């Protein structure tokens, strides 16, 4: 009985309480989840609109005068973006253990991979704009709105990652203070998952 009381007393001492990790979901976590759900609904509407217009339009699709999208650049973009979730996950798990070097390396790798994705998207746009624009027809409008909206989200994610990297270099995060890292990781995983839907819808569905 005495040992039980002693353990309870030690567990409630100020030193023990100060090192206790917070439990449950924070308001920031719920806010990010709600934001992701909202954005997921918007992307679902855009991709659903693409399929609706495509089936209403009939063959040929894309409309006459526009070639079927090539796969090389989108596949390179996929090879850059999807693996970028791994270093940000590695970074988040590292900072949970107080390893700032893992946080920094993981964020840097994600930043480079995401930047490479945007560079490839800009290269694809340079080619596509010579063929059609967003005002050419409904296909052009949907293509640029969907890919541009996603590219905007990738840009926002890279800004968040860059801010985390800069803050980590100042020693702002530790094993008890890494909520913003977790929220950014959630957002980045969402951006990656959305790209899978875009790849299937715009580039692969017509070939199936």
Foldseek 3Di string as FASTA:
>chain_A
DVVVVVVVVVCPDPVNVVPDADDDDDPLRVVLVVVLVVVVVVLVVLLVVLVVVDVVVDPDPPPPQDDQDDCPLLVVLLVLQQCLLVLLVQLLVCQLQFNLVSVLVSLVSSLVSLVVSLVSVVVVCVVVVVRDALPRDVVRVSVCVNVVVLNVLSVVLSVLSVVVNVCSVVVNGHSRRCVSSVSSSVSSNSSSVSSVVVCCRRHNVVVD
